[in-house]
Amino acid sequence: MKRTLYLMLFVLMTASVSTLTSCRDEPKDTGDKIEDAIDDTGDAIEEGAEDVEDGIEDAVDDN
């Protein structure tokens, strides 16, 4: 019984690993890389603007 349980568990784990393994992603082309860089830059600008806004609000609250 124990051997059967181990065998079934092994088969289940092997099957789940093979179904969850995906193919390799296609390499990004230059257009995708540029788009990602633009998105990252936009996000960084937004975060910087929020930090400045928070700093201004803190300075106003202190006065």
Protein backbone atom coordinates (compact mmCIF):
# COMPACT_ATOMS: atom_id res chain seq x y z
CA MET A 1 0.00 0.00 0.00
CA LYS A 2 2.80 2.39 0.91
CA ARG A 3 4.66 1.60 -2.30
CA THR A 4 1.50 2.22 -4.35
CA LEU A 5 0.97 5.56 -2.64
CA TYR A 6 4.56 6.61 -3.36
CA LEU A 7 4.24 5.50 -6.97
CA MET A 8 1.00 7.45 -7.45
CA LEU A 9 2.54 10.52 -5.78
CA PHE A 10 5.58 10.28 -8.04
CA VAL A 11 3.41 10.01 -11.15
CA LEU A 12 1.28 12.95 -10.06
CA MET A 13 4.32 15.13 -9.33
CA THR A 14 5.95 14.21 -12.64
CA ALA A 15 2.77 14.99 -14.56
CA SER A 16 2.26 18.32 -12.80
CA VAL A 17 5.86 19.40 -13.45
CA SER A 18 5.60 18.55 -17.12
CA THR A 19 2.33 20.47 -17.52
CA LEU A 20 3.56 23.52 -15.62
CA THR A 21 6.80 23.81 -17.56
CA SER A 22 6.38 26.27 -20.39
CA CYS A 23 8.34 26.92 -23.51
CA ARG A 24 11.10 29.49 -23.48
CA ASP A 25 10.00 33.02 -24.02
CA GLU A 26 10.81 34.60 -27.32
CA PRO A 27 13.64 37.14 -27.09
CA LYS A 28 12.44 40.70 -27.04
CA ASP A 29 12.93 42.73 -30.17
CA THR A 30 14.24 46.28 -30.12
CA GLY A 31 10.75 47.81 -30.19
CA ASP A 32 9.68 45.92 -27.07
CA LYS A 33 12.88 46.92 -25.26
CA ILE A 34 12.33 50.58 -26.11
CA GLU A 35 8.70 50.39 -24.99
CA ASP A 36 9.73 48.81 -21.67
CA ALA A 37 12.37 51.51 -21.14
CA ILE A 38 9.82 54.26 -21.82
CA ASP A 39 7.37 52.68 -19.37
CA ASP A 40 10.07 52.38 -16.70
CA THR A 41 11.09 56.00 -17.22
CA GLY A 42 7.49 57.17 -16.95
CA ASP A 43 7.03 55.21 -13.73
CA ALA A 44 10.22 56.70 -12.28
CA ILE A 45 9.06 60.23 -13.15
CA GLU A 46 5.69 59.61 -11.49
CA GLU A 47 7.37 58.30 -8.34
CA GLY A 48 9.71 61.29 -8.25
CA ALA A 49 6.79 63.69 -8.64
CA GLU A 50 4.93 61.97 -5.80
CA ASP A 51 8.01 62.24 -3.59
CA VAL A 52 8.28 65.97 -4.33
CA GLU A 53 4.58 66.41 -3.62
CA ASP A 54 4.93 64.60 -0.30
CA GLY A 55 7.93 66.75 0.61
CA ILE A 56 6.02 69.94 -0.17
CA GLU A 57 3.03 68.80 1.87
CA ASP A 58 5.30 67.97 4.81
CA ALA A 59 6.97 71.39 4.60
CA VAL A 60 3.58 73.14 4.52
CA ASP A 61 2.34 71.09 7.48
CA ASP A 62 5.43 72.03 9.50
CA ASN A 63 4.71 75.75 9.07
